C-alpha cells in the first residue's frame, strides 16, 4: 500500500437561510483537474473533474450551470424532486462562496 499527500482546502458555510452548516472540501489536483466534496446534514455529494477548460476548481464551480453541477453531484442516484431542490439550494450557496474565492 502507498499513501500520497494531496493538499485540500476545506471550509464551512454557516448561516445559510434554511440550511444546516455546509462543509466543502476542494482539491485542485493538477491543471484543469479537481474534486469537490460537499456535506450537509449527514448527506454527502462529490464529483471528480478530469477536465475543466484550464480553470481551477473554484472558478469552474463558480461559473458552471447549477443544473450541470447538480447532475454531476447526484451521480446515478434517483433523487426525489424535493431532494433535487435541496441540492440546488446547497449548490447555490457553494457557488456564491466559490465566486468570492475565485474573484469571479
Protein backbone atom coordinates (compact mmCIF):
# COMPACT_ATOMS: atom_id res chain seq x y z
CA UNK A 1 0.00 0.00 0.00
CA UNK A 2 1.18 3.51 -0.81
CA UNK A 3 -0.11 6.76 0.65
CA UNK A 4 0.19 10.12 -1.12
CA UNK A 5 -0.44 13.52 0.38
CA UNK A 6 -2.94 15.53 -1.67
CA UNK A 7 -3.48 19.09 -0.50
CA UNK A 8 -7.08 20.08 0.04
CA UNK A 9 -8.92 23.21 1.10
CA UNK A 10 -11.86 22.94 3.46
CA UNK A 11 -14.39 25.48 4.62
CA UNK A 12 -17.83 25.58 6.18
CA UNK A 13 -20.74 27.78 5.12
CA UNK A 14 -22.70 28.97 8.14
CA UNK A 15 -25.98 30.85 8.50
CA UNK A 16 -27.24 29.92 5.04
CA UNK A 17 -31.00 30.58 5.32
CA UNK A 18 -32.94 27.33 5.70
CA UNK A 19 -29.86 25.09 5.63
CA UNK A 20 -27.62 23.43 8.16
CA UNK A 21 -23.88 24.17 8.00
CA UNK A 22 -22.42 23.13 4.64
CA UNK A 23 -18.95 21.55 4.72
CA UNK A 24 -16.98 21.91 1.50
CA UNK A 25 -13.70 20.22 0.57
CA UNK A 26 -11.91 21.09 -2.65
CA UNK A 27 -8.85 19.57 -4.25
CA UNK A 28 -7.03 21.11 -7.19
CA UNK A 29 -5.21 18.01 -8.40
CA UNK A 30 -3.47 19.48 -11.42
CA UNK A 31 -4.10 21.72 -14.40
CA UNK A 32 -7.85 21.54 -15.06
CA UNK A 33 -8.31 18.63 -12.66
CA UNK A 34 -10.15 18.73 -9.35
CA UNK A 35 -12.50 17.15 -6.84
CA UNK A 36 -15.42 18.69 -4.95
CA UNK A 37 -16.94 17.16 -1.81
CA UNK A 38 -20.00 18.73 -0.16
CA UNK A 39 -21.62 17.59 3.10
CA UNK A 40 -24.78 18.97 4.69
CA UNK A 41 -26.89 17.39 7.45
CA UNK A 42 -25.25 13.99 7.03
CA UNK A 43 -25.68 13.83 3.26
CA UNK A 44 -22.62 13.91 1.03
CA UNK A 45 -22.15 14.65 -2.66
CA UNK A 46 -18.89 14.50 -4.56
CA UNK A 47 -17.50 14.57 -8.08
CA UNK A 48 -14.13 14.44 -9.79
CA UNK A 49 -13.46 16.52 -12.93
CA UNK A 50 -10.58 15.46 -15.14
CA UNK A 51 -11.01 18.45 -17.47
CA UNK A 52 -12.19 21.96 -16.57
CA UNK A 53 -11.13 24.06 -19.55
CA UNK A 54 -7.95 25.38 -17.96
CA UNK A 55 -9.75 26.63 -14.84
CA UNK A 56 -9.04 25.96 -11.20
CA UNK A 57 -11.82 24.19 -9.30
CA UNK A 58 -13.19 27.28 -7.50
CA UNK A 59 -13.50 29.22 -10.76
CA UNK A 60 -15.01 26.22 -12.57
CA UNK A 61 -17.66 25.64 -9.89
CA UNK A 62 -18.42 29.37 -9.59
CA UNK A 63 -19.13 29.71 -13.30
CA UNK A 64 -20.78 26.36 -14.08
CA UNK A 65 -24.51 25.99 -14.64
CA UNK A 66 -26.19 24.85 -11.40
CA UNK A 67 -28.13 22.10 -13.20
CA UNK A 68 -24.85 20.71 -14.59
CA UNK A 69 -23.31 20.64 -11.10
CA UNK A 70 -26.46 19.08 -9.65
CA UNK A 71 -26.45 16.29 -12.22
CA UNK A 72 -22.77 15.54 -11.62
CA UNK A 73 -23.03 15.64 -7.83
CA UNK A 74 -26.11 13.42 -7.64
CA UNK A 75 -24.46 10.82 -9.87
CA UNK A 76 -26.62 7.81 -10.61
CA UNK A 77 -28.86 8.40 -7.61
CA UNK A 78 -32.50 8.95 -8.46
CA UNK A 79 -33.45 11.84 -6.22
CA UNK A 80 -36.97 12.96 -5.44
CA UNK A 81 -37.98 16.43 -6.57
CA UNK A 82 -37.60 17.90 -3.07
CA UNK A 83 -34.14 16.31 -2.73
CA UNK A 84 -33.05 17.88 -6.03
CA UNK A 85 -34.38 21.26 -4.87
CA UNK A 86 -32.46 20.83 -1.60
CA UNK A 87 -29.25 20.07 -3.52
CA UNK A 88 -29.83 23.10 -5.78
CA UNK A 89 -30.04 25.36 -2.69
CA UNK A 90 -26.78 23.91 -1.39
CA UNK A 91 -25.11 24.34 -4.79
CA UNK A 92 -26.25 27.98 -4.93
CA UNK A 93 -24.59 28.66 -1.56
CA UNK A 94 -21.40 26.84 -2.59
CA UNK A 95 -21.26 28.74 -5.90
CA UNK A 96 -21.62 32.06 -4.08
CA UNK A 97 -18.71 31.13 -1.79
CA UNK A 98 -16.63 29.97 -4.76
CA UNK A 99 -17.27 33.27 -6.58
CA UNK A 100 -15.82 35.06 -3.57
CA UNK A 101 -12.81 32.70 -3.52
CA UNK A 102 -12.24 32.85 -7.28
CA UNK A 103 -12.97 36.56 -7.57
CA UNK A 104 -15.46 35.75 -10.34
